[in-house]
Amino acid sequence: MEMGVDRVKVVVGNTGLGYYKEVGSYDKYIDLRYSPELFMIRRDDSGINIGVAVTISKAIEAVKECNQHGFHTEENMVYKKIADHMEKVASGFIQNSTSLGGNLVMAQRNHFPSDIATVLLAVGSLVNIMNGLKSEELTMEEFLRRPELDSKSILLSVKIPDWNRLMGISSGTRMNLLFETYRAAHNP
């Protein structure tokens, strides 16, 4: 470590510490739980945008709300499958305390076997990253393949796109879609 250079870790609750048992220490921790913008959940015609500080359980609720009208469209079916799959990930305690962004950063940085990253990848999700003063939007695949985020880069949000818009399907088009997910990673 260079003299005068602080080791900084950006966290939401630092629950990854329980999984990885980090032995190294940091000089400073930046806790994003006090940034209300990172708790935002927004739904519009292009999809649902979930802030990275949102817990996995709140993300599940938000995705379920996209399907609350009970219409049996392909889009609603995809949202239902995402929510159902996310409910299988970890215990309720972990879902209530772990952030969506933390899960994805662990998948990117430490190759954590994240079922959430896998299902979000399958539906064409995007991530928004702030790197210094520059904001960039990446596909989930680009995010997972890139070098790990440093202390000057922050994952801001995840966008699950509107399935019909993503596929270029008009409202009058009839289509049969099969979208299934299976639990791959085991819980430690």
N, C-alpha and C. Protein backbone atom coordinates (compact mmCIF):
# COMPACT_ATOMS: atom_id res chain seq x y z
N MET A 1 0.84 -1.18 0.00
CA MET A 1 0.00 0.00 0.00
C MET A 1 0.89 1.24 0.00
N GLU A 2 0.51 2.18 -0.86
CA GLU A 2 1.29 3.41 -0.94
C GLU A 2 1.09 4.26 0.31
N MET A 3 2.12 4.99 0.67
CA MET A 3 2.05 5.87 1.83
C MET A 3 1.06 6.99 1.55
N GLY A 4 0.13 7.24 2.45
CA GLY A 4 -0.82 8.32 2.32
C GLY A 4 -2.04 7.99 1.46
N VAL A 5 -2.14 6.77 0.95
CA VAL A 5 -3.30 6.38 0.15
C VAL A 5 -4.20 5.51 1.02
N ASP A 6 -5.44 5.98 1.21
CA ASP A 6 -6.39 5.24 2.02
C ASP A 6 -7.03 4.12 1.22
N ARG A 7 -7.23 3.00 1.88
CA ARG A 7 -8.02 1.91 1.29
C ARG A 7 -9.47 2.16 1.65
N VAL A 8 -10.30 2.30 0.62
CA VAL A 8 -11.70 2.66 0.81
C VAL A 8 -12.60 1.55 0.28
N LYS A 9 -13.66 1.25 1.04
CA LYS A 9 -14.64 0.26 0.60
C LYS A 9 -16.02 0.91 0.64
N VAL A 10 -16.74 0.81 -0.48
CA VAL A 10 -18.10 1.32 -0.56
C VAL A 10 -19.04 0.17 -0.22
N VAL A 11 -19.94 0.39 0.75
CA VAL A 11 -20.84 -0.65 1.21
C VAL A 11 -22.26 -0.11 1.36
N VAL A 12 -23.21 -1.00 1.45
CA VAL A 12 -24.57 -0.63 1.84
C VAL A 12 -24.81 -1.12 3.26
N GLY A 13 -24.48 -2.32 3.55
CA GLY A 13 -24.58 -2.84 4.91
C GLY A 13 -23.37 -3.70 5.24
N ASN A 14 -22.57 -3.96 4.23
CA ASN A 14 -21.36 -4.77 4.34
C ASN A 14 -21.68 -6.22 4.73
N THR A 15 -22.82 -6.72 4.27
CA THR A 15 -23.20 -8.10 4.60
C THR A 15 -22.34 -9.12 3.86
N GLY A 16 -21.66 -8.72 2.80
CA GLY A 16 -20.76 -9.63 2.09
C GLY A 16 -19.64 -10.12 2.98
N LEU A 17 -19.34 -9.36 4.04
CA LEU A 17 -18.31 -9.75 5.00
C LEU A 17 -18.63 -11.11 5.61
N GLY A 18 -19.91 -11.39 5.82
CA GLY A 18 -20.30 -12.67 6.39
C GLY A 18 -20.08 -13.83 5.44
N TYR A 19 -20.09 -13.58 4.16
CA TYR A 19 -19.88 -14.64 3.18
C TYR A 19 -18.40 -14.85 2.91
N TYR A 20 -17.66 -13.74 2.76
CA TYR A 20 -16.25 -13.83 2.36
C TYR A 20 -15.25 -13.78 3.49
N LYS A 21 -15.66 -13.39 4.67
CA LYS A 21 -14.75 -13.34 5.83
C LYS A 21 -13.45 -12.63 5.47
N GLU A 22 -13.58 -11.40 4.97
CA GLU A 22 -12.41 -10.64 4.53
C GLU A 22 -11.39 -10.50 5.65
N VAL A 23 -10.16 -10.73 5.31
CA VAL A 23 -9.10 -10.61 6.30
C VAL A 23 -8.43 -9.23 6.23
N GLY A 24 -8.49 -8.61 5.08
CA GLY A 24 -7.91 -7.28 4.93
C GLY A 24 -8.81 -6.23 5.57
N SER A 25 -8.21 -5.15 5.94
CA SER A 25 -9.02 -4.07 6.51
C SER A 25 -8.94 -2.85 5.61
N TYR A 26 -9.88 -1.98 5.80
CA TYR A 26 -9.95 -0.74 5.02
C TYR A 26 -9.78 0.42 5.97
N ASP A 27 -9.24 1.50 5.42
CA ASP A 27 -9.07 2.70 6.23
C ASP A 27 -10.39 3.44 6.40
N LYS A 28 -11.22 3.37 5.33
CA LYS A 28 -12.50 4.09 5.35
C LYS A 28 -13.56 3.23 4.69
N TYR A 29 -14.77 3.33 5.25
CA TYR A 29 -15.93 2.69 4.67
C TYR A 29 -16.91 3.79 4.32
N ILE A 30 -17.45 3.75 3.12
CA ILE A 30 -18.48 4.70 2.71
C ILE A 30 -19.78 3.91 2.66
N ASP A 31 -20.71 4.23 3.55
CA ASP A 31 -21.97 3.51 3.66
C ASP A 31 -23.03 4.25 2.86
N LEU A 32 -23.55 3.59 1.83
CA LEU A 32 -24.51 4.21 0.92
C LEU A 32 -25.95 4.19 1.46
N ARG A 33 -26.16 3.64 2.65
CA ARG A 33 -27.51 3.58 3.21
C ARG A 33 -28.09 4.96 3.48
N TYR A 34 -27.28 5.97 3.45
CA TYR A 34 -27.76 7.32 3.73
C TYR A 34 -27.93 8.14 2.46
N SER A 35 -28.01 7.47 1.32
CA SER A 35 -28.23 8.13 0.02
C SER A 35 -29.60 7.73 -0.50
N PRO A 36 -30.62 8.55 -0.25
CA PRO A 36 -31.99 8.16 -0.61
C PRO A 36 -32.18 7.85 -2.09
N GLU A 37 -31.39 8.46 -2.95
CA GLU A 37 -31.51 8.21 -4.39
C GLU A 37 -31.27 6.74 -4.72
N LEU A 38 -30.46 6.07 -3.92
CA LEU A 38 -30.12 4.68 -4.19
C LEU A 38 -31.18 3.69 -3.69
N PHE A 39 -32.23 4.23 -3.05
CA PHE A 39 -33.36 3.42 -2.58
C PHE A 39 -34.58 3.58 -3.48
N MET A 40 -34.44 4.33 -4.56
CA MET A 40 -35.56 4.61 -5.44
C MET A 40 -35.94 3.39 -6.27
N ILE A 41 -37.23 3.24 -6.47
CA ILE A 41 -37.78 2.23 -7.38
C ILE A 41 -38.73 2.99 -8.29
N ARG A 42 -38.45 2.95 -9.60
CA ARG A 42 -39.27 3.68 -10.57
C ARG A 42 -39.72 2.73 -11.67
N ARG A 43 -40.98 2.84 -12.02
CA ARG A 43 -41.55 2.03 -13.10
C ARG A 43 -42.06 2.98 -14.17
N ASP A 44 -41.69 2.73 -15.43
CA ASP A 44 -42.22 3.49 -16.55
C ASP A 44 -42.39 2.55 -17.74
N ASP A 45 -42.70 3.11 -18.90
CA ASP A 45 -42.95 2.28 -20.08
C ASP A 45 -41.74 1.46 -20.52
N SER A 46 -40.54 1.88 -20.11
CA SER A 46 -39.34 1.16 -20.55
C SER A 46 -38.92 0.04 -19.60
N GLY A 47 -39.56 -0.04 -18.42
CA GLY A 47 -39.22 -1.10 -17.48
C GLY A 47 -39.26 -0.62 -16.04
N ILE A 48 -38.54 -1.32 -15.19
CA ILE A 48 -38.46 -0.97 -13.77
C ILE A 48 -37.00 -0.70 -13.42
N ASN A 49 -36.77 0.42 -12.75
CA ASN A 49 -35.43 0.83 -12.36
C ASN A 49 -35.34 0.71 -10.84
N ILE A 50 -34.39 -0.08 -10.35
CA ILE A 50 -34.26 -0.35 -8.92
C ILE A 50 -32.90 0.15 -8.43
N GLY A 51 -32.90 1.04 -7.43
CA GLY A 51 -31.67 1.54 -6.84
C GLY A 51 -30.90 0.42 -6.17
N VAL A 52 -29.59 0.54 -6.14
CA VAL A 52 -28.75 -0.55 -5.65
C VAL A 52 -28.81 -0.76 -4.14
N ALA A 53 -29.29 0.22 -3.39
CA ALA A 53 -29.38 0.05 -1.94
C ALA A 53 -30.68 -0.64 -1.53
N VAL A 54 -31.57 -0.88 -2.47
CA VAL A 54 -32.82 -1.58 -2.20
C VAL A 54 -32.49 -3.02 -1.79
N THR A 55 -33.13 -3.49 -0.73
CA THR A 55 -32.89 -4.87 -0.30
C THR A 55 -33.47 -5.84 -1.33
N ILE A 56 -32.97 -7.05 -1.30
CA ILE A 56 -33.48 -8.07 -2.21
C ILE A 56 -34.97 -8.28 -1.98
N SER A 57 -35.42 -8.27 -0.72
CA SER A 57 -36.85 -8.47 -0.45
C SER A 57 -37.70 -7.33 -1.03
N LYS A 58 -37.23 -6.09 -0.95
CA LYS A 58 -37.96 -4.96 -1.53
C LYS A 58 -37.93 -5.03 -3.07
N ALA A 59 -36.83 -5.50 -3.62
CA ALA A 59 -36.75 -5.67 -5.08
C ALA A 59 -37.76 -6.72 -5.53
N ILE A 60 -37.91 -7.80 -4.76
CA ILE A 60 -38.90 -8.84 -5.08
C ILE A 60 -40.30 -8.23 -5.08
N GLU A 61 -40.62 -7.43 -4.05
CA GLU A 61 -41.93 -6.77 -3.97
C GLU A 61 -42.16 -5.88 -5.18
N ALA A 62 -41.14 -5.11 -5.57
CA ALA A 62 -41.27 -4.19 -6.70
C ALA A 62 -41.53 -4.95 -8.00
N VAL A 63 -40.83 -6.04 -8.19
CA VAL A 63 -41.03 -6.84 -9.41
C VAL A 63 -42.41 -7.49 -9.39
N LYS A 64 -42.84 -7.94 -8.22
CA LYS A 64 -44.18 -8.53 -8.10
C LYS A 64 -45.27 -7.51 -8.43
N GLU A 65 -45.06 -6.26 -8.03
CA GLU A 65 -46.05 -5.21 -8.30
C GLU A 65 -46.24 -5.01 -9.80
N CYS A 66 -45.23 -5.29 -10.58
CA CYS A 66 -45.36 -5.17 -12.03
C CYS A 66 -46.35 -6.20 -12.56
N ASN A 67 -46.61 -7.22 -11.79
CA ASN A 67 -47.47 -8.33 -12.20
C ASN A 67 -48.76 -8.37 -11.39
N GLN A 68 -49.05 -7.34 -10.61
CA GLN A 68 -50.16 -7.41 -9.67
C GLN A 68 -51.54 -7.41 -10.31
N HIS A 69 -51.65 -6.99 -11.56
CA HIS A 69 -52.96 -6.92 -12.19
C HIS A 69 -53.44 -8.29 -12.66
N GLY A 70 -52.57 -9.28 -12.64
CA GLY A 70 -52.97 -10.64 -12.95
C GLY A 70 -53.19 -10.94 -14.42
N PHE A 71 -52.84 -10.01 -15.30
CA PHE A 71 -52.96 -10.28 -16.72
C PHE A 71 -51.94 -11.34 -17.10
N HIS A 72 -52.29 -12.21 -17.99
CA HIS A 72 -51.40 -13.30 -18.38
C HIS A 72 -50.67 -12.96 -19.67
N THR A 73 -49.98 -11.83 -19.68
CA THR A 73 -49.18 -11.46 -20.83
C THR A 73 -47.78 -12.03 -20.65
N GLU A 74 -47.02 -12.06 -21.74
CA GLU A 74 -45.65 -12.56 -21.66
C GLU A 74 -44.82 -11.69 -20.70
N GLU A 75 -45.04 -10.38 -20.78
CA GLU A 75 -44.28 -9.47 -19.91
C GLU A 75 -44.55 -9.77 -18.44
N ASN A 76 -45.83 -9.92 -18.08
CA ASN A 76 -46.16 -10.21 -16.69
C ASN A 76 -45.61 -11.56 -16.26
N MET A 77 -45.61 -12.53 -17.16
CA MET A 77 -45.08 -13.84 -16.85
C MET A 77 -43.58 -13.75 -16.55
N VAL A 78 -42.85 -12.94 -17.32
CA VAL A 78 -41.42 -12.78 -17.09
C VAL A 78 -41.17 -12.14 -15.72
N TYR A 79 -41.91 -11.08 -15.40
CA TYR A 79 -41.76 -10.45 -14.08
C TYR A 79 -42.08 -11.44 -12.96
N LYS A 80 -43.12 -12.23 -13.14
CA LYS A 80 -43.48 -13.23 -12.12
C LYS A 80 -42.35 -14.23 -11.94
N LYS A 81 -41.77 -14.69 -13.04
CA LYS A 81 -40.67 -15.67 -12.95
C LYS A 81 -39.45 -15.06 -12.26
N ILE A 82 -39.16 -13.80 -12.55
CA ILE A 82 -38.04 -13.13 -11.88
C ILE A 82 -38.29 -13.08 -10.38
N ALA A 83 -39.47 -12.63 -9.97
CA ALA A 83 -39.80 -12.53 -8.55
C ALA A 83 -39.77 -13.91 -7.88
N ASP A 84 -40.37 -14.91 -8.54
CA ASP A 84 -40.37 -16.26 -7.97
C ASP A 84 -38.95 -16.77 -7.77
N HIS A 85 -38.09 -16.51 -8.75
CA HIS A 85 -36.71 -16.98 -8.64
C HIS A 85 -35.97 -16.26 -7.52
N MET A 86 -36.15 -14.95 -7.44
CA MET A 86 -35.47 -14.17 -6.40
C MET A 86 -35.91 -14.60 -5.01
N GLU A 87 -37.15 -15.07 -4.88
CA GLU A 87 -37.62 -15.53 -3.57
C GLU A 87 -36.91 -16.80 -3.12
N LYS A 88 -36.35 -17.54 -4.05
CA LYS A 88 -35.62 -18.77 -3.72
C LYS A 88 -34.19 -18.50 -3.26
N VAL A 89 -33.75 -17.27 -3.42
CA VAL A 89 -32.37 -16.91 -3.11
C VAL A 89 -32.24 -16.55 -1.63
N ALA A 90 -31.49 -17.32 -0.91
CA ALA A 90 -31.16 -17.05 0.50
C ALA A 90 -32.39 -17.10 1.40
N SER A 91 -32.16 -16.92 2.67
CA SER A 91 -33.24 -16.92 3.66
C SER A 91 -33.89 -15.54 3.70
N GLY A 92 -35.04 -15.47 4.35
CA GLY A 92 -35.73 -14.19 4.50
C GLY A 92 -34.87 -13.16 5.20
N PHE A 93 -34.12 -13.59 6.21
CA PHE A 93 -33.24 -12.67 6.93
C PHE A 93 -32.21 -12.05 5.99
N ILE A 94 -31.60 -12.88 5.15
CA ILE A 94 -30.60 -12.38 4.20
C ILE A 94 -31.26 -11.47 3.17
N GLN A 95 -32.43 -11.88 2.66
CA GLN A 95 -33.14 -11.05 1.68
C GLN A 95 -33.48 -9.68 2.25
N ASN A 96 -33.80 -9.63 3.55
CA ASN A 96 -34.17 -8.36 4.19
C ASN A 96 -32.97 -7.49 4.53
N SER A 97 -31.78 -8.04 4.55
CA SER A 97 -30.62 -7.25 4.96
C SER A 97 -29.60 -7.03 3.85
N THR A 98 -29.70 -7.78 2.77
CA THR A 98 -28.72 -7.68 1.68
C THR A 98 -29.27 -6.82 0.56
N SER A 99 -28.44 -5.96 0.01
CA SER A 99 -28.90 -5.09 -1.07
C SER A 99 -28.73 -5.78 -2.43
N LEU A 100 -29.57 -5.37 -3.35
CA LEU A 100 -29.47 -5.87 -4.72
C LEU A 100 -28.11 -5.52 -5.30
N GLY A 101 -27.67 -4.29 -5.10
CA GLY A 101 -26.37 -3.87 -5.62
C GLY A 101 -25.21 -4.62 -5.02
N GLY A 102 -25.28 -4.90 -3.72
CA GLY A 102 -24.21 -5.66 -3.08
C GLY A 102 -24.08 -7.05 -3.67
N ASN A 103 -25.22 -7.68 -3.93
CA ASN A 103 -25.21 -9.00 -4.54
C ASN A 103 -24.54 -8.95 -5.91
N LEU A 104 -24.87 -7.94 -6.70
CA LEU A 104 -24.31 -7.84 -8.05
C LEU A 104 -22.83 -7.48 -8.02
N VAL A 105 -22.43 -6.63 -7.10
CA VAL A 105 -21.00 -6.28 -7.00
C VAL A 105 -20.20 -7.50 -6.54
N MET A 106 -20.74 -8.30 -5.63
CA MET A 106 -20.05 -9.52 -5.23
C MET A 106 -19.91 -10.47 -6.41
N ALA A 107 -20.95 -10.54 -7.25
CA ALA A 107 -20.88 -11.40 -8.44
C ALA A 107 -19.81 -10.90 -9.40
N GLN A 108 -19.69 -9.58 -9.52
CA GLN A 108 -18.72 -9.00 -10.44
C GLN A 108 -17.30 -9.07 -9.88
N ARG A 109 -17.15 -8.74 -8.64
CA ARG A 109 -15.82 -8.62 -8.03
C ARG A 109 -15.24 -9.97 -7.63
N ASN A 110 -16.05 -10.78 -7.00
CA ASN A 110 -15.54 -12.01 -6.40
C ASN A 110 -16.05 -13.28 -7.08
N HIS A 111 -16.72 -13.12 -8.20
CA HIS A 111 -17.31 -14.26 -8.91
C HIS A 111 -18.24 -15.04 -8.00
N PHE A 112 -18.96 -14.31 -7.14
CA PHE A 112 -19.98 -14.88 -6.27
C PHE A 112 -21.02 -15.57 -7.15
N PRO A 113 -21.43 -16.79 -6.83
CA PRO A 113 -22.40 -17.51 -7.67
C PRO A 113 -23.81 -16.96 -7.49
N SER A 114 -24.08 -15.81 -8.07
CA SER A 114 -25.33 -15.10 -7.87
C SER A 114 -26.41 -15.54 -8.85
N ASP A 115 -27.45 -16.17 -8.32
CA ASP A 115 -28.61 -16.50 -9.14
C ASP A 115 -29.32 -15.23 -9.60
N ILE A 116 -29.27 -14.19 -8.79
CA ILE A 116 -29.91 -12.93 -9.15
C ILE A 116 -29.23 -12.34 -10.38
N ALA A 117 -27.90 -12.29 -10.39
CA ALA A 117 -27.18 -11.78 -11.56
C ALA A 117 -27.52 -12.60 -12.80
N THR A 118 -27.63 -13.91 -12.63
CA THR A 118 -27.92 -14.79 -13.77
C THR A 118 -29.30 -14.51 -14.35
N VAL A 119 -30.32 -14.39 -13.50
CA VAL A 119 -31.67 -14.15 -14.01
C VAL A 119 -31.78 -12.74 -14.60
N LEU A 120 -31.11 -11.75 -14.00
CA LEU A 120 -31.14 -10.40 -14.56
C LEU A 120 -30.40 -10.34 -15.90
N LEU A 121 -29.37 -11.12 -16.03
CA LEU A 121 -28.65 -11.24 -17.30
C LEU A 121 -29.58 -11.83 -18.37
N ALA A 122 -30.34 -12.85 -18.00
CA ALA A 122 -31.22 -13.53 -18.95
C ALA A 122 -32.32 -12.63 -19.50
N VAL A 123 -32.76 -11.65 -18.72
CA VAL A 123 -33.85 -10.78 -19.18
C VAL A 123 -33.34 -9.47 -19.79
N GLY A 124 -32.04 -9.37 -20.00
CA GLY A 124 -31.49 -8.19 -20.67
C GLY A 124 -31.39 -6.95 -19.81
N SER A 125 -31.19 -7.12 -18.52
CA SER A 125 -31.11 -5.98 -17.60
C SER A 125 -29.88 -5.11 -17.88
N LEU A 126 -29.99 -3.87 -17.47
CA LEU A 126 -28.92 -2.89 -17.61
C LEU A 126 -28.53 -2.38 -16.24
N VAL A 127 -27.30 -1.91 -16.10
CA VAL A 127 -26.86 -1.28 -14.86
C VAL A 127 -26.38 0.13 -15.18
N ASN A 128 -26.55 1.01 -14.20
CA ASN A 128 -26.07 2.38 -14.33
C ASN A 128 -24.96 2.57 -13.33
N ILE A 129 -23.81 3.04 -13.80
CA ILE A 129 -22.63 3.23 -12.95
C ILE A 129 -22.19 4.68 -13.03
N MET A 130 -21.83 5.24 -11.89
CA MET A 130 -21.23 6.57 -11.85
C MET A 130 -19.74 6.37 -11.66
N ASN A 131 -18.96 6.86 -12.60
CA ASN A 131 -17.52 6.73 -12.57
C ASN A 131 -16.95 8.14 -12.58
N GLY A 132 -16.57 8.64 -11.39
CA GLY A 132 -16.17 10.04 -11.29
C GLY A 132 -17.39 10.91 -11.56
N LEU A 133 -17.31 11.76 -12.57
CA LEU A 133 -18.45 12.61 -12.93
C LEU A 133 -19.21 12.05 -14.12
N LYS A 134 -18.80 10.89 -14.61
CA LYS A 134 -19.39 10.30 -15.80
C LYS A 134 -20.33 9.16 -15.43
N SER A 135 -21.52 9.19 -16.01
CA SER A 135 -22.48 8.12 -15.81
C SER A 135 -22.47 7.24 -17.05
N GLU A 136 -22.52 5.92 -16.84
CA GLU A 136 -22.58 5.02 -17.99
C GLU A 136 -23.57 3.91 -17.73
N GLU A 137 -24.24 3.51 -18.81
CA GLU A 137 -25.18 2.40 -18.74
C GLU A 137 -24.58 1.22 -19.48
N LEU A 138 -24.56 0.07 -18.80
CA LEU A 138 -23.98 -1.14 -19.37
C LEU A 138 -24.99 -2.27 -19.32
N THR A 139 -24.85 -3.21 -20.23
CA THR A 139 -25.65 -4.43 -20.09
C THR A 139 -25.11 -5.19 -18.89
N MET A 140 -25.91 -6.08 -18.37
CA MET A 140 -25.46 -6.89 -17.24
C MET A 140 -24.22 -7.69 -17.63
N GLU A 141 -24.19 -8.19 -18.86
CA GLU A 141 -23.04 -8.95 -19.32
C GLU A 141 -21.78 -8.09 -19.34
N GLU A 142 -21.89 -6.86 -19.84
CA GLU A 142 -20.72 -5.96 -19.85
C GLU A 142 -20.24 -5.68 -18.43
N PHE A 143 -21.19 -5.47 -17.52
CA PHE A 143 -20.85 -5.19 -16.13
C PHE A 143 -20.11 -6.37 -15.50
N LEU A 144 -20.60 -7.57 -15.72
CA LEU A 144 -19.98 -8.75 -15.10
C LEU A 144 -18.61 -9.07 -15.69
N ARG A 145 -18.38 -8.68 -16.93
CA ARG A 145 -17.10 -8.97 -17.59
C ARG A 145 -16.03 -7.91 -17.35
N ARG A 146 -16.43 -6.73 -16.99
CA ARG A 146 -15.46 -5.64 -16.85
C ARG A 146 -14.64 -5.81 -15.58
N PRO A 147 -13.52 -5.09 -15.50
CA PRO A 147 -12.74 -5.14 -14.25
C PRO A 147 -13.59 -4.65 -13.08
N GLU A 148 -13.25 -5.09 -11.89
CA GLU A 148 -14.07 -4.73 -10.73
C GLU A 148 -14.12 -3.22 -10.53
N LEU A 149 -15.22 -2.77 -9.95
CA LEU A 149 -15.39 -1.35 -9.67
C LEU A 149 -14.38 -0.93 -8.61
N ASP A 150 -13.80 0.24 -8.79
CA ASP A 150 -12.88 0.75 -7.78
C ASP A 150 -13.64 1.71 -6.86
N SER A 151 -12.94 2.32 -5.93
CA SER A 151 -13.60 3.19 -4.95
C SER A 151 -14.10 4.50 -5.57
N LYS A 152 -13.74 4.77 -6.81
CA LYS A 152 -14.23 5.97 -7.50
C LYS A 152 -15.43 5.67 -8.38
N SER A 153 -15.84 4.41 -8.43
CA SER A 153 -16.98 3.99 -9.25
C SER A 153 -18.06 3.42 -8.35
N ILE A 154 -19.30 3.81 -8.63
CA ILE A 154 -20.41 3.34 -7.81
C ILE A 154 -21.52 2.83 -8.72
N LEU A 155 -21.98 1.64 -8.42
CA LEU A 155 -23.14 1.09 -9.09
C LEU A 155 -24.35 1.84 -8.53
N LEU A 156 -25.18 2.41 -9.41
CA LEU A 156 -26.30 3.22 -8.97
C LEU A 156 -27.64 2.50 -9.02
N SER A 157 -27.90 1.80 -10.14
CA SER A 157 -29.21 1.18 -10.30
C SER A 157 -29.16 0.04 -11.29
N VAL A 158 -30.24 -0.73 -11.26
CA VAL A 158 -30.43 -1.85 -12.18
C VAL A 158 -31.76 -1.61 -12.88
N LYS A 159 -31.76 -1.76 -14.18
CA LYS A 159 -33.00 -1.60 -14.95
C LYS A 159 -33.39 -2.93 -15.55
N ILE A 160 -34.59 -3.40 -15.19
CA ILE A 160 -35.17 -4.58 -15.80
C ILE A 160 -36.08 -4.05 -16.90
N PRO A 161 -35.73 -4.32 -18.14
CA PRO A 161 -36.49 -3.71 -19.24
C PRO A 161 -37.89 -4.28 -19.40
N ASP A 162 -38.76 -3.47 -19.99
CA ASP A 162 -40.08 -3.92 -20.38
C ASP A 162 -39.88 -5.01 -21.43
N TRP A 163 -40.36 -6.19 -21.15
CA TRP A 163 -40.09 -7.34 -22.01
C TRP A 163 -40.62 -7.13 -23.43
N ASN A 164 -41.84 -6.60 -23.56
CA ASN A 164 -42.41 -6.38 -24.89
C ASN A 164 -41.59 -5.38 -25.69
N ARG A 165 -41.16 -4.31 -25.04
CA ARG A 165 -40.35 -3.31 -25.73
C ARG A 165 -38.99 -3.90 -26.12
N LEU A 166 -38.39 -4.67 -25.22
CA LEU A 166 -37.10 -5.30 -25.48
C LEU A 166 -37.18 -6.22 -26.70
N MET A 167 -38.26 -6.96 -26.79
CA MET A 167 -38.42 -7.92 -27.88
C MET A 167 -39.02 -7.29 -29.14
N GLY A 168 -39.42 -6.00 -29.07
CA GLY A 168 -40.01 -5.34 -30.23
C GLY A 168 -41.39 -5.87 -30.55
N ILE A 169 -42.15 -6.22 -29.52
CA ILE A 169 -43.47 -6.81 -29.70
C ILE A 169 -44.53 -5.71 -29.54
N SER A 170 -45.41 -5.59 -30.51
CA SER A 170 -46.50 -4.62 -30.39
C SER A 170 -47.62 -5.23 -29.57
N SER A 171 -48.52 -4.39 -29.07
CA SER A 171 -49.57 -4.88 -28.19
C SER A 171 -50.54 -5.83 -28.88
N GLY A 172 -50.66 -5.76 -30.20
CA GLY A 172 -51.58 -6.64 -30.91
C GLY A 172 -50.97 -7.97 -31.34
N THR A 173 -49.68 -8.14 -31.12
CA THR A 173 -48.99 -9.34 -31.55
C THR A 173 -49.23 -10.48 -30.58
N ARG A 174 -49.55 -11.64 -31.10
CA ARG A 174 -49.75 -12.84 -30.28
C ARG A 174 -48.47 -13.67 -30.33
N MET A 175 -47.95 -14.02 -29.17
CA MET A 175 -46.71 -14.76 -29.13
C MET A 175 -46.73 -15.72 -27.95
N ASN A 176 -46.13 -16.86 -28.11
CA ASN A 176 -45.97 -17.80 -27.00
C ASN A 176 -44.51 -17.72 -26.56
N LEU A 177 -44.32 -17.54 -25.27
CA LEU A 177 -42.97 -17.39 -24.73
C LEU A 177 -42.78 -18.38 -23.59
N LEU A 178 -41.68 -19.03 -23.60
CA LEU A 178 -41.31 -19.92 -22.50
C LEU A 178 -40.10 -19.31 -21.81
N PHE A 179 -40.23 -18.97 -20.54
CA PHE A 179 -39.14 -18.41 -19.76
C PHE A 179 -39.11 -19.13 -18.43
N GLU A 180 -38.12 -19.94 -18.21
CA GLU A 180 -37.99 -20.71 -16.98
C GLU A 180 -36.65 -20.41 -16.33
N THR A 181 -36.63 -20.46 -15.01
CA THR A 181 -35.38 -20.29 -14.26
C THR A 181 -35.24 -21.47 -13.30
N TYR A 182 -34.01 -21.80 -12.99
CA TYR A 182 -33.73 -22.87 -12.06
C TYR A 182 -32.65 -22.42 -11.10
N ARG A 183 -32.77 -22.81 -9.87
CA ARG A 183 -31.80 -22.46 -8.84
C ARG A 183 -30.50 -23.21 -9.11
N ALA A 184 -29.41 -22.46 -9.32
CA ALA A 184 -28.14 -23.09 -9.65
C ALA A 184 -27.17 -23.08 -8.47
N ALA A 185 -27.02 -21.94 -7.81
CA ALA A 185 -26.03 -21.82 -6.74
C ALA A 185 -26.57 -22.43 -5.44
N HIS A 186 -25.70 -23.06 -4.71
CA HIS A 186 -26.13 -23.59 -3.41
C HIS A 186 -25.84 -22.57 -2.34
N ASN A 187 -26.61 -22.63 -1.27
CA ASN A 187 -26.36 -21.71 -0.14
C ASN A 187 -25.26 -22.30 0.73
N PRO A 188 -24.31 -21.46 1.15
CA PRO A 188 -23.21 -21.97 1.98
C PRO A 188 -23.68 -22.39 3.35
